[in-house]
């Protein structure tokens, strides 16, 4: 049978919610009122959080409404669960509506709510809203930690605002926080995307000085940045260093390198990288084959291009519109040149 203490009901509900048994948690909640007991704010919050984590926002809001009707005031944890669920579904208008509502009711948003909003805005590239949420957080006297700084940094870097990114790192250091691997990797990726590989390499030196090793993401960012600026020798050197460190490049990194070599007219190295990629356990995609086909066609090696197309079909890779456009253009140019 069921116990007669609300606290024990709450513990049971919490257990069921953690196990993903939301229907059982709801039965326990219903039993509270059937026993003539009054659900506490913890009872409501436990079930609301359970529904939110199960992706059932409608039930979460139904419970909030039920909570208000029963004169139990939603607290910061109620709002935190609902705002987090709304952010996960990218329903930012609803999240901001709840944020404003809780502030109007005299509740002070906690660290979790602010970080949830900031993370979501950063992920979606809503930089002005990200900055606004950050300023509101500071005005409430809440101190950002390294995770939040890295979230802000990622938002600025993805948006190409490298000046703001540097200011964030300066602010982090000023507050006594040391940049970590995520900080450095995010900066390297940001500067490489912005075409400033030189600064990215300076950041890499700082990493080494601080005893932080570059990871796969950092190596990939550097290699892609070098490829974009045509520094194929440096890119291959970085690839070899990456492999020596026991890290495997992904398909994108290999393809980016092949493309860079092919654009330089060095299709031979492109094919060498293809073999390396395959022996490393990767299955080349149509994008990889298109890069090599384009390299061959640019050199007028149409027989080799046709042979590669046959090889591509034999391994079950389906050509796309780009494949045929590359080949048609190559044959047209080659025939006209003849």
C-alpha atoms as a PDB file:
ATOM      1  CA  UNK A   1       0.000   0.000   0.000  1.00  0.00           C
ATOM      2  CA  UNK A   2       0.837   3.703  -0.184  1.00  0.00           C
ATOM      3  CA  UNK A   3       2.311   5.634   2.751  1.00  0.00           C
ATOM      4  CA  UNK A   4       0.506   8.561   4.371  1.00  0.00           C
ATOM      5  CA  UNK A   5       3.404  11.035   4.337  1.00  0.00           C
ATOM      6  CA  UNK A   6       3.683  13.519   1.409  1.00  0.00           C
ATOM      7  CA  UNK A   7       7.482  13.476   1.705  1.00  0.00           C
ATOM      8  CA  UNK A   8       7.543   9.723   1.002  1.00  0.00           C
ATOM      9  CA  UNK A   9       5.203  10.208  -1.981  1.00  0.00           C
ATOM     10  CA  UNK A  10       7.629  12.808  -3.342  1.00  0.00           C
ATOM     11  CA  UNK A  11      10.565  10.409  -2.969  1.00  0.00           C
ATOM     12  CA  UNK A  12       8.606   7.712  -4.826  1.00  0.00           C
ATOM     13  CA  UNK A  13       7.656  10.128  -7.611  1.00  0.00           C
ATOM     14  CA  UNK A  14      11.239  11.278  -7.962  1.00  0.00           C
ATOM     15  CA  UNK A  15      12.420   7.681  -8.292  1.00  0.00           C
ATOM     16  CA  UNK A  16       9.838   6.879 -10.969  1.00  0.00           C
ATOM     17  CA  UNK A  17      10.681  10.071 -12.886  1.00  0.00           C
ATOM     18  CA  UNK A  18      14.396   9.259 -12.846  1.00  0.00           C
ATOM     19  CA  UNK A  19      13.596   5.786 -14.187  1.00  0.00           C
ATOM     20  CA  UNK A  20      11.459   7.338 -16.949  1.00  0.00           C
ATOM     21  CA  UNK A  21       8.263   5.787 -15.508  1.00  0.00           C
ATOM     22  CA  UNK A  22       6.216   8.965 -15.772  1.00  0.00           C
ATOM     23  CA  UNK A  23       2.832   7.163 -15.727  1.00  0.00           C
ATOM     24  CA  UNK A  24       3.723   5.553 -12.394  1.00  0.00           C
ATOM     25  CA  UNK A  25       4.859   8.946 -11.075  1.00  0.00           C
ATOM     26  CA  UNK A  26       1.489  10.436 -12.103  1.00  0.00           C
ATOM     27  CA  UNK A  27      -0.350   7.626 -10.254  1.00  0.00           C
ATOM     28  CA  UNK A  28       1.636   8.411  -7.107  1.00  0.00           C
ATOM     29  CA  UNK A  29       0.789  12.122  -7.482  1.00  0.00           C
ATOM     30  CA  UNK A  30      -2.932  11.338  -7.919  1.00  0.00           C
ATOM     31  CA  UNK A  31      -2.836   9.142  -4.814  1.00  0.00           C
ATOM     32  CA  UNK A  32      -1.708  12.139  -2.708  1.00  0.00           C
ATOM     33  CA  UNK A  33      -5.038  13.947  -3.211  1.00  0.00           C
ATOM     34  CA  UNK A  34      -7.046  10.709  -2.991  1.00  0.00           C
ATOM     35  CA  UNK A  35      -5.585  10.267   0.488  1.00  0.00           C
ATOM     36  CA  UNK A  36      -6.803  13.732   1.431  1.00  0.00           C
ATOM     37  CA  UNK A  37      -3.268  15.093   1.495  1.00  0.00           C
ATOM     38  CA  UNK A  38      -2.127  18.331  -0.117  1.00  0.00           C
ATOM     39  CA  UNK A  39       0.639  18.126  -2.777  1.00  0.00           C
ATOM     40  CA  UNK A  40       3.553  20.389  -1.891  1.00  0.00           C
ATOM     41  CA  UNK A  41       5.535  22.581  -4.279  1.00  0.00           C
ATOM     42  CA  UNK A  42       8.106  19.741  -4.354  1.00  0.00           C
ATOM     43  CA  UNK A  43       5.364  17.283  -5.431  1.00  0.00           C
ATOM     44  CA  UNK A  44       4.381  19.507  -8.343  1.00  0.00           C
ATOM     45  CA  UNK A  45       7.974  20.301  -9.314  1.00  0.00           C
ATOM     46  CA  UNK A  46       9.001  16.639  -9.303  1.00  0.00           C
ATOM     47  CA  UNK A  47       6.234  15.683 -11.725  1.00  0.00           C
ATOM     48  CA  UNK A  48       6.601  18.822 -13.870  1.00  0.00           C
ATOM     49  CA  UNK A  49      10.316  18.106 -14.218  1.00  0.00           C
ATOM     50  CA  UNK A  50       9.543  14.474 -15.063  1.00  0.00           C
ATOM     51  CA  UNK A  51       7.138  15.469 -17.837  1.00  0.00           C
ATOM     52  CA  UNK A  52       9.572  18.079 -19.172  1.00  0.00           C
ATOM     53  CA  UNK A  53      12.410  15.557 -19.331  1.00  0.00           C
ATOM     54  CA  UNK A  54      10.075  13.132 -21.111  1.00  0.00           C
ATOM     55  CA  UNK A  55       9.403  15.858 -23.707  1.00  0.00           C
ATOM     56  CA  UNK A  56       5.759  16.306 -22.670  1.00  0.00           C
ATOM     57  CA  UNK A  57       5.525  20.077 -22.248  1.00  0.00           C
ATOM     58  CA  UNK A  58       1.722  20.124 -22.435  1.00  0.00           C
ATOM     59  CA  UNK A  59       1.461  18.017 -19.278  1.00  0.00           C
ATOM     60  CA  UNK A  60       4.124  20.163 -17.634  1.00  0.00           C
ATOM     61  CA  UNK A  61       2.087  23.318 -18.257  1.00  0.00           C
ATOM     62  CA  UNK A  62      -1.160  21.562 -17.273  1.00  0.00           C
ATOM     63  CA  UNK A  63       0.406  20.773 -13.904  1.00  0.00           C
ATOM     64  CA  UNK A  64       1.635  24.357 -13.497  1.00  0.00           C
ATOM     65  CA  UNK A  65      -1.936  25.559 -14.100  1.00  0.00           C
ATOM     66  CA  UNK A  66      -3.253  22.969 -11.617  1.00  0.00           C
ATOM     67  CA  UNK A  67      -0.602  24.116  -9.140  1.00  0.00           C
ATOM     68  CA  UNK A  68      -1.720  27.753  -9.412  1.00  0.00           C
ATOM     69  CA  UNK A  69      -5.407  26.808  -9.066  1.00  0.00           C
ATOM     70  CA  UNK A  70      -4.633  24.885  -5.898  1.00  0.00           C
ATOM     71  CA  UNK A  71      -2.909  28.017  -4.521  1.00  0.00           C
ATOM     72  CA  UNK A  72       0.549  26.497  -4.531  1.00  0.00           C
ATOM     73  CA  UNK A  73       2.899  29.125  -5.888  1.00  0.00           C
ATOM     74  CA  UNK A  74       5.348  28.013  -8.597  1.00  0.00           C
ATOM     75  CA  UNK A  75       8.918  28.645  -7.475  1.00  0.00           C
ATOM     76  CA  UNK A  76      12.243  29.094  -9.290  1.00  0.00           C
ATOM     77  CA  UNK A  77      12.575  25.320  -9.807  1.00  0.00           C
ATOM     78  CA  UNK A  78       9.139  25.150 -11.489  1.00  0.00           C
ATOM     79  CA  UNK A  79      10.160  27.832 -13.960  1.00  0.00           C
ATOM     80  CA  UNK A  80      13.628  26.349 -14.426  1.00  0.00           C
ATOM     81  CA  UNK A  81      12.203  22.963 -15.524  1.00  0.00           C
ATOM     82  CA  UNK A  82       9.736  24.541 -17.973  1.00  0.00           C
ATOM     83  CA  UNK A  83      12.206  27.075 -19.410  1.00  0.00           C
ATOM     84  CA  UNK A  84      14.793  24.323 -19.938  1.00  0.00           C
ATOM     85  CA  UNK A  85      12.228  22.165 -21.773  1.00  0.00           C
ATOM     86  CA  UNK A  86      11.123  25.101 -23.960  1.00  0.00           C
ATOM     87  CA  UNK A  87      14.748  25.891 -24.837  1.00  0.00           C
ATOM     88  CA  UNK A  88      15.391  22.269 -25.814  1.00  0.00           C
ATOM     89  CA  UNK A  89      12.518  22.562 -28.295  1.00  0.00           C
ATOM     90  CA  UNK A  90      13.771  26.000 -29.453  1.00  0.00           C
ATOM     91  CA  UNK A  91      10.533  27.638 -28.276  1.00  0.00           C
ATOM     92  CA  UNK A  92      12.350  30.786 -27.246  1.00  0.00           C
ATOM     93  CA  UNK A  93       9.317  33.102 -27.194  1.00  0.00           C
ATOM     94  CA  UNK A  94       7.693  30.821 -24.635  1.00  0.00           C
ATOM     95  CA  UNK A  95      10.915  30.612 -22.613  1.00  0.00           C
ATOM     96  CA  UNK A  96      11.246  34.408 -22.488  1.00  0.00           C
ATOM     97  CA  UNK A  97       7.559  34.746 -21.636  1.00  0.00           C
ATOM     98  CA  UNK A  98       8.039  32.483 -18.611  1.00  0.00           C
ATOM     99  CA  UNK A  99      11.244  34.310 -17.657  1.00  0.00           C
ATOM    100  CA  UNK A 100       9.378  37.648 -17.642  1.00  0.00           C
ATOM    101  CA  UNK A 101       6.460  36.108 -15.733  1.00  0.00           C
ATOM    102  CA  UNK A 102       8.681  34.801 -12.939  1.00  0.00           C
ATOM    103  CA  UNK A 103      10.444  38.166 -12.626  1.00  0.00           C
ATOM    104  CA  UNK A 104       7.062  39.961 -12.440  1.00  0.00           C
ATOM    105  CA  UNK A 105       6.092  37.596  -9.625  1.00  0.00           C
ATOM    106  CA  UNK A 106       9.154  38.644  -7.645  1.00  0.00           C
ATOM    107  CA  UNK A 107      11.180  35.488  -8.217  1.00  0.00           C
ATOM    108  CA  UNK A 108      14.908  35.849  -8.928  1.00  0.00           C
ATOM    109  CA  UNK A 109      16.107  33.627 -11.806  1.00  0.00           C
ATOM    110  CA  UNK A 110      18.858  31.236 -10.767  1.00  0.00           C
ATOM    111  CA  UNK A 111      22.125  30.326 -12.449  1.00  0.00           C
ATOM    112  CA  UNK A 112      20.589  27.321 -14.250  1.00  0.00           C
ATOM    113  CA  UNK A 113      17.909  29.451 -15.924  1.00  0.00           C
ATOM    114  CA  UNK A 114      20.407  32.018 -17.179  1.00  0.00           C
ATOM    115  CA  UNK A 115      22.861  29.404 -18.476  1.00  0.00           C
ATOM    116  CA  UNK A 116      20.006  27.571 -20.222  1.00  0.00           C
ATOM    117  CA  UNK A 117      18.902  30.747 -22.028  1.00  0.00           C
ATOM    118  CA  UNK A 118      22.465  31.790 -22.889  1.00  0.00           C
ATOM    119  CA  UNK A 119      23.346  28.311 -24.200  1.00  0.00           C
ATOM    120  CA  UNK A 120      20.234  28.210 -26.388  1.00  0.00           C
ATOM    121  CA  UNK A 121      20.839  31.687 -27.842  1.00  0.00           C
ATOM    122  CA  UNK A 122      24.495  30.798 -28.488  1.00  0.00           C
ATOM    123  CA  UNK A 123      23.503  27.569 -30.258  1.00  0.00           C
ATOM    124  CA  UNK A 124      20.969  29.373 -32.452  1.00  0.00           C
ATOM    125  CA  UNK A 125      23.242  32.308 -33.275  1.00  0.00           C
ATOM    126  CA  UNK A 126      21.002  34.852 -31.493  1.00  0.00           C
ATOM    127  CA  UNK A 127      23.969  36.881 -30.292  1.00  0.00           C
ATOM    128  CA  UNK A 128      22.102  40.025 -29.190  1.00  0.00           C
ATOM    129  CA  UNK A 129      19.740  37.951 -27.027  1.00  0.00           C
ATOM    130  CA  UNK A 130      22.693  35.971 -25.681  1.00  0.00           C
ATOM    131  CA  UNK A 131      24.429  39.213 -24.644  1.00  0.00           C
ATOM    132  CA  UNK A 132      21.194  40.554 -23.143  1.00  0.00           C
ATOM    133  CA  UNK A 133      20.713  37.419 -21.010  1.00  0.00           C
ATOM    134  CA  UNK A 134      24.355  37.592 -19.920  1.00  0.00           C
ATOM    135  CA  UNK A 135      24.025  41.240 -18.834  1.00  0.00           C
ATOM    136  CA  UNK A 136      20.832  40.422 -16.898  1.00  0.00           C
ATOM    137  CA  UNK A 137      22.684  37.603 -15.172  1.00  0.00           C
ATOM    138  CA  UNK A 138      25.528  39.909 -14.124  1.00  0.00           C
ATOM    139  CA  UNK A 139      23.010  42.491 -12.869  1.00  0.00           C
ATOM    140  CA  UNK A 140      21.595  39.817 -10.528  1.00  0.00           C
ATOM    141  CA  UNK A 141      25.067  39.375  -9.010  1.00  0.00           C
ATOM    142  CA  UNK A 142      25.579  35.898 -10.481  1.00  0.00           C
ATOM    143  CA  UNK A 143      29.174  35.011 -11.397  1.00  0.00           C
ATOM    144  CA  UNK A 144      29.770  33.076 -14.640  1.00  0.00           C
ATOM    145  CA  UNK A 145      31.876  29.903 -14.495  1.00  0.00           C
ATOM    146  CA  UNK A 146      34.230  28.467 -17.128  1.00  0.00           C
ATOM    147  CA  UNK A 147      31.396  26.499 -18.805  1.00  0.00           C
ATOM    148  CA  UNK A 148      29.301  29.633 -19.286  1.00  0.00           C
ATOM    149  CA  UNK A 149      32.275  31.633 -20.560  1.00  0.00           C
ATOM    150  CA  UNK A 150      32.960  28.895 -23.121  1.00  0.00           C
ATOM    151  CA  UNK A 151      29.299  28.993 -24.193  1.00  0.00           C
ATOM    152  CA  UNK A 152      29.516  32.762 -24.756  1.00  0.00           C
ATOM    153  CA  UNK A 153      32.822  32.318 -26.550  1.00  0.00           C
ATOM    154  CA  UNK A 154      31.341  29.686 -28.856  1.00  0.00           C
ATOM    155  CA  UNK A 155      28.451  32.006 -29.728  1.00  0.00           C
ATOM    156  CA  UNK A 156      30.754  34.892 -30.634  1.00  0.00           C
ATOM    157  CA  UNK A 157      33.180  32.680 -32.591  1.00  0.00           C
ATOM    158  CA  UNK A 158      30.415  30.991 -34.606  1.00  0.00           C
ATOM    159  CA  UNK A 159      29.049  34.466 -35.391  1.00  0.00           C
ATOM    160  CA  UNK A 160      32.497  35.644 -36.515  1.00  0.00           C
ATOM    161  CA  UNK A 161      32.784  38.295 -33.784  1.00  0.00           C
ATOM    162  CA  UNK A 162      36.378  37.563 -32.795  1.00  0.00           C
ATOM    163  CA  UNK A 163      36.862  40.939 -31.067  1.00  0.00           C
ATOM    164  CA  UNK A 164      34.046  40.085 -28.625  1.00  0.00           C
ATOM    165  CA  UNK A 165      35.507  36.571 -28.273  1.00  0.00           C
ATOM    166  CA  UNK A 166      38.852  38.001 -27.133  1.00  0.00           C
ATOM    167  CA  UNK A 167      37.055  40.274 -24.641  1.00  0.00           C
ATOM    168  CA  UNK A 168      35.299  37.240 -23.162  1.00  0.00           C
ATOM    169  CA  UNK A 169      38.643  35.482 -22.635  1.00  0.00           C
ATOM    170  CA  UNK A 170      40.104  38.655 -21.084  1.00  0.00           C
ATOM    171  CA  UNK A 171      37.081  38.865 -18.762  1.00  0.00           C
ATOM    172  CA  UNK A 172      37.490  35.218 -17.829  1.00  0.00           C
ATOM    173  CA  UNK A 173      41.164  35.692 -16.909  1.00  0.00           C
ATOM    174  CA  UNK A 174      40.360  38.936 -15.040  1.00  0.00           C
ATOM    175  CA  UNK A 175      37.914  36.978 -12.848  1.00  0.00           C
ATOM    176  CA  UNK A 176      40.631  34.469 -11.997  1.00  0.00           C
ATOM    177  CA  UNK A 177      39.492  31.660 -14.304  1.00  0.00           C
ATOM    178  CA  UNK A 178      42.034  29.791 -16.419  1.00  0.00           C
ATOM    179  CA  UNK A 179      41.153  29.028 -20.049  1.00  0.00           C
ATOM    180  CA  UNK A 180      40.727  25.266 -20.547  1.00  0.00           C
ATOM    181  CA  UNK A 181      40.919  22.956 -23.567  1.00  0.00           C
ATOM    182  CA  UNK A 182      37.402  23.946 -24.699  1.00  0.00           C
ATOM    183  CA  UNK A 183      38.315  27.657 -24.511  1.00  0.00           C
ATOM    184  CA  UNK A 184      41.423  27.239 -26.646  1.00  0.00           C
ATOM    185  CA  UNK A 185      39.789  24.865 -29.142  1.00  0.00           C
ATOM    186  CA  UNK A 186      36.822  27.214 -29.599  1.00  0.00           C
ATOM    187  CA  UNK A 187      39.188  30.140 -30.252  1.00  0.00           C
ATOM    188  CA  UNK A 188      41.294  28.116 -32.716  1.00  0.00           C
ATOM    189  CA  UNK A 189      38.148  27.085 -34.596  1.00  0.00           C
ATOM    190  CA  UNK A 190      36.857  30.677 -34.585  1.00  0.00           C
ATOM    191  CA  UNK A 191      40.066  32.208 -35.948  1.00  0.00           C
ATOM    192  CA  UNK A 192      40.453  29.451 -38.562  1.00  0.00           C
ATOM    193  CA  UNK A 193      36.871  30.043 -39.731  1.00  0.00           C
ATOM    194  CA  UNK A 194      37.701  33.742 -39.911  1.00  0.00           C
ATOM    195  CA  UNK A 195      40.723  33.020 -42.114  1.00  0.00           C
ATOM    196  CA  UNK A 196      43.290  33.983 -39.471  1.00  0.00           C
ATOM    197  CA  UNK A 197      45.346  30.801 -39.144  1.00  0.00           C
ATOM    198  CA  UNK A 198      48.348  32.759 -37.858  1.00  0.00           C
ATOM    199  CA  UNK A 199      46.459  33.826 -34.712  1.00  0.00           C
ATOM    200  CA  UNK A 200      45.071  30.290 -34.356  1.00  0.00           C
ATOM    201  CA  UNK A 201      48.646  28.955 -34.312  1.00  0.00           C
ATOM    202  CA  UNK A 202      49.627  31.531 -31.669  1.00  0.00           C
ATOM    203  CA  UNK A 203      46.743  30.266 -29.519  1.00  0.00           C
ATOM    204  CA  UNK A 204      47.975  26.718 -30.082  1.00  0.00           C
ATOM    205  CA  UNK A 205      51.421  27.803 -28.737  1.00  0.00           C
ATOM    206  CA  UNK A 206      49.744  29.176 -25.595  1.00  0.00           C
ATOM    207  CA  UNK A 207      48.041  25.810 -25.163  1.00  0.00           C
ATOM    208  CA  UNK A 208      51.404  24.045 -25.318  1.00  0.00           C
ATOM    209  CA  UNK A 209      52.905  26.521 -22.823  1.00  0.00           C
ATOM    210  CA  UNK A 210      50.058  25.786 -20.404  1.00  0.00           C
ATOM    211  CA  UNK A 211      50.445  22.023 -20.805  1.00  0.00           C
ATOM    212  CA  UNK A 212      47.127  21.566 -22.633  1.00  0.00           C
ATOM    213  CA  UNK A 213      47.214  19.152 -25.570  1.00  0.00           C
ATOM    214  CA  UNK A 214      45.363  19.873 -28.790  1.00  0.00           C
ATOM    215  CA  UNK A 215      42.461  17.467 -29.360  1.00  0.00           C
ATOM    216  CA  UNK A 216      40.887  16.110 -32.549  1.00  0.00           C
ATOM    217  CA  UNK A 217      38.535  19.085 -32.896  1.00  0.00           C
ATOM    218  CA  UNK A 218      41.452  21.525 -32.618  1.00  0.00           C
ATOM    219  CA  UNK A 219      43.582  19.655 -35.148  1.00  0.00           C
ATOM    220  CA  UNK A 220      40.657  19.427 -37.592  1.00  0.00           C
ATOM    221  CA  UNK A 221      40.005  23.173 -37.276  1.00  0.00           C
ATOM    222  CA  UNK A 222      43.688  23.994 -37.951  1.00  0.00           C
ATOM    223  CA  UNK A 223      43.878  21.609 -40.917  1.00  0.00           C
ATOM    224  CA  UNK A 224      40.681  23.018 -42.455  1.00  0.00           C
ATOM    225  CA  UNK A 225      41.918  26.584 -41.910  1.00  0.00           C
ATOM    226  CA  UNK A 226      45.262  25.803 -43.568  1.00  0.00           C
ATOM    227  CA  UNK A 227      43.509  24.094 -46.481  1.00  0.00           C
ATOM    228  CA  UNK A 228      41.248  27.105 -47.028  1.00  0.00           C
ATOM    229  CA  UNK A 229      44.238  29.404 -47.355  1.00  0.00           C
ATOM    230  CA  UNK A 230      46.043  26.903 -49.603  1.00  0.00           C
ATOM    231  CA  UNK A 231      48.817  25.988 -47.136  1.00  0.00           C
ATOM    232  CA  UNK A 232      48.714  22.304 -48.078  1.00  0.00           C
ATOM    233  CA  UNK A 233      52.216  21.469 -46.785  1.00  0.00           C
ATOM    234  CA  UNK A 234      51.370  22.872 -43.333  1.00  0.00           C
ATOM    235  CA  UNK A 235      48.009  21.088 -43.422  1.00  0.00           C
ATOM    236  CA  UNK A 236      49.636  17.733 -44.172  1.00  0.00           C
ATOM    237  CA  UNK A 237      52.226  18.338 -41.446  1.00  0.00           C
ATOM    238  CA  UNK A 238      49.383  18.955 -38.968  1.00  0.00           C
ATOM    239  CA  UNK A 239      47.639  15.789 -40.196  1.00  0.00           C
ATOM    240  CA  UNK A 240      50.790  13.714 -39.573  1.00  0.00           C
ATOM    241  CA  UNK A 241      51.144  15.231 -36.099  1.00  0.00           C
ATOM    242  CA  UNK A 242      47.505  14.412 -35.399  1.00  0.00           C
ATOM    243  CA  UNK A 243      48.018  10.777 -36.446  1.00  0.00           C
ATOM    244  CA  UNK A 244      51.202  10.478 -34.351  1.00  0.00           C
ATOM    245  CA  UNK A 245      49.197  11.681 -31.350  1.00  0.00           C
ATOM    246  CA  UNK A 246      46.845   8.713 -31.911  1.00  0.00           C
ATOM    247  CA  UNK A 247      43.906  10.736 -33.247  1.00  0.00           C
ATOM    248  CA  UNK A 248      41.975   9.724 -36.350  1.00  0.00           C
ATOM    249  CA  UNK A 249      40.883  12.470 -38.762  1.00  0.00           C
ATOM    250  CA  UNK A 250      37.239  12.316 -39.836  1.00  0.00           C
ATOM    251  CA  UNK A 251      35.844  12.167 -43.399  1.00  0.00           C
ATOM    252  CA  UNK A 252      35.478  15.963 -43.579  1.00  0.00           C
ATOM    253  CA  UNK A 253      39.143  16.566 -42.690  1.00  0.00           C
ATOM    254  CA  UNK A 254      40.398  14.050 -45.264  1.00  0.00           C
ATOM    255  CA  UNK A 255      38.082  15.436 -47.956  1.00  0.00           C
ATOM    256  CA  UNK A 256      39.088  19.024 -47.181  1.00  0.00           C
ATOM    257  CA  UNK A 257      42.763  18.055 -47.610  1.00  0.00           C
ATOM    258  CA  UNK A 258      42.102  16.213 -50.875  1.00  0.00           C
ATOM    259  CA  UNK A 259      40.259  19.266 -52.181  1.00  0.00           C
ATOM    260  CA  UNK A 260      43.149  21.579 -51.231  1.00  0.00           C
ATOM    261  CA  UNK A 261      45.728  19.369 -53.001  1.00  0.00           C
ATOM    262  CA  UNK A 262      43.512  18.924 -56.081  1.00  0.00           C
ATOM    263  CA  UNK A 263      43.033  22.693 -56.328  1.00  0.00           C
ATOM    264  CA  UNK A 264      46.834  22.980 -56.391  1.00  0.00           C
ATOM    265  CA  UNK A 265      46.855  20.472 -59.278  1.00  0.00           C
ATOM    266  CA  UNK A 266      48.320  17.707 -57.098  1.00  0.00           C
ATOM    267  CA  UNK A 267      45.709  15.001 -57.704  1.00  0.00           C
ATOM    268  CA  UNK A 268      48.298  12.301 -56.974  1.00  0.00           C
ATOM    269  CA  UNK A 269      48.476  13.329 -53.305  1.00  0.00           C
ATOM    270  CA  UNK A 270      44.673  13.515 -53.316  1.00  0.00           C
ATOM    271  CA  UNK A 271      44.515   9.821 -54.272  1.00  0.00           C
ATOM    272  CA  UNK A 272      47.212   8.977 -51.727  1.00  0.00           C
ATOM    273  CA  UNK A 273      44.975  10.532 -49.056  1.00  0.00           C
ATOM    274  CA  UNK A 274      41.976   8.580 -50.407  1.00  0.00           C
ATOM    275  CA  UNK A 275      43.859   5.289 -49.888  1.00  0.00           C
ATOM    276  CA  UNK A 276      44.928   6.433 -46.433  1.00  0.00           C
ATOM    277  CA  UNK A 277      41.342   7.362 -45.598  1.00  0.00           C
ATOM    278  CA  UNK A 278      40.074   3.940 -46.721  1.00  0.00           C
ATOM    279  CA  UNK A 279      42.784   2.026 -44.847  1.00  0.00           C
ATOM    280  CA  UNK A 280      41.801   4.056 -41.770  1.00  0.00           C
ATOM    281  CA  UNK A 281      38.321   2.509 -41.995  1.00  0.00           C
ATOM    282  CA  UNK A 282      36.475   5.417 -43.618  1.00  0.00           C
ATOM    283  CA  UNK A 283      34.072   4.889 -46.522  1.00  0.00           C
ATOM    284  CA  UNK A 284      34.423   7.818 -48.962  1.00  0.00           C
ATOM    285  CA  UNK A 285      31.176   9.645 -49.717  1.00  0.00           C
ATOM    286  CA  UNK A 286      29.987  11.164 -52.995  1.00  0.00           C
ATOM    287  CA  UNK A 287      31.478  14.486 -51.787  1.00  0.00           C
ATOM    288  CA  UNK A 288      34.965  12.913 -51.556  1.00  0.00           C
ATOM    289  CA  UNK A 289      34.671  11.372 -55.026  1.00  0.00           C
ATOM    290  CA  UNK A 290      33.436  14.683 -56.462  1.00  0.00           C
ATOM    291  CA  UNK A 291      36.547  16.439 -55.134  1.00  0.00           C
ATOM    292  CA  UNK A 292      38.836  13.935 -56.905  1.00  0.00           C
ATOM    293  CA  UNK A 293      36.741  13.920 -60.084  1.00  0.00           C
ATOM    294  CA  UNK A 294      36.904  17.710 -60.188  1.00  0.00           C
ATOM    295  CA  UNK A 295      40.701  17.565 -59.775  1.00  0.00           C
ATOM    296  CA  UNK A 296      41.060  15.084 -62.665  1.00  0.00           C
ATOM    297  CA  UNK A 297      38.704  17.030 -64.944  1.00  0.00           C
ATOM    298  CA  UNK A 298      40.543  20.301 -64.289  1.00  0.00           C
ATOM    299  CA  UNK A 299      43.743  18.572 -65.489  1.00  0.00           C
ATOM    300  CA  UNK A 300      41.913  17.166 -68.526  1.00  0.00           C
ATOM    301  CA  UNK A 301      42.434  13.559 -67.364  1.00  0.00           C
ATOM    302  CA  UNK A 302      39.012  12.441 -68.590  1.00  0.00           C
ATOM    303  CA  UNK A 303      39.855   8.724 -68.941  1.00  0.00           C
ATOM    304  CA  UNK A 304      40.976   8.655 -65.327  1.00  0.00           C
ATOM    305  CA  UNK A 305      37.825  10.553 -64.342  1.00  0.00           C
ATOM    306  CA  UNK A 306      35.623   7.984 -66.126  1.00  0.00           C
ATOM    307  CA  UNK A 307      37.563   5.142 -64.466  1.00  0.00           C
ATOM    308  CA  UNK A 308      37.021   6.766 -61.063  1.00  0.00           C
ATOM    309  CA  UNK A 309      33.294   7.083 -61.800  1.00  0.00           C
ATOM    310  CA  UNK A 310      33.158   3.324 -62.539  1.00  0.00           C
ATOM    311  CA  UNK A 311      35.053   2.571 -59.311  1.00  0.00           C
ATOM    312  CA  UNK A 312      32.644   4.801 -57.414  1.00  0.00           C
ATOM    313  CA  UNK A 313      29.617   2.968 -58.853  1.00  0.00           C
ATOM    314  CA  UNK A 314      31.205  -0.434 -58.135  1.00  0.00           C
ATOM    315  CA  UNK A 315      31.463   0.334 -54.415  1.00  0.00           C
ATOM    316  CA  UNK A 316      27.830   1.495 -54.323  1.00  0.00           C
ATOM    317  CA  UNK A 317      28.349   5.270 -54.078  1.00  0.00           C
ATOM    318  CA  UNK A 318      25.526   6.993 -55.964  1.00  0.00           C
ATOM    319  CA  UNK A 319      26.575  10.005 -58.078  1.00  0.00           C
ATOM    320  CA  UNK A 320      24.654  13.248 -57.524  1.00  0.00           C
ATOM    321  CA  UNK A 321      23.943  16.269 -59.749  1.00  0.00           C
ATOM    322  CA  UNK A 322      27.340  17.760 -58.876  1.00  0.00           C
ATOM    323  CA  UNK A 323      29.092  14.568 -60.075  1.00  0.00           C
ATOM    324  CA  UNK A 324      27.433  14.733 -63.488  1.00  0.00           C
ATOM    325  CA  UNK A 325      27.966  18.493 -63.824  1.00  0.00           C
ATOM    326  CA  UNK A 326      31.709  18.041 -63.102  1.00  0.00           C
ATOM    327  CA  UNK A 327      31.992  15.273 -65.730  1.00  0.00           C
ATOM    328  CA  UNK A 328      29.900  17.071 -68.360  1.00  0.00           C
ATOM    329  CA  UNK A 329      31.907  20.254 -67.892  1.00  0.00           C
ATOM    330  CA  UNK A 330      35.188  18.295 -68.036  1.00  0.00           C
ATOM    331  CA  UNK A 331      34.268  16.427 -71.240  1.00  0.00           C
ATOM    332  CA  UNK A 332      32.975  19.633 -72.848  1.00  0.00           C
ATOM    333  CA  UNK A 333      36.201  21.534 -72.053  1.00  0.00           C
ATOM    334  CA  UNK A 334      38.378  18.588 -73.117  1.00  0.00           C
ATOM    335  CA  UNK A 335      36.577  18.121 -76.474  1.00  0.00           C
ATOM    336  CA  UNK A 336      36.731  21.865 -77.204  1.00  0.00           C
ATOM    337  CA  UNK A 337      40.420  21.968 -76.281  1.00  0.00           C
ATOM    338  CA  UNK A 338      41.083  19.100 -78.683  1.00  0.00           C
END
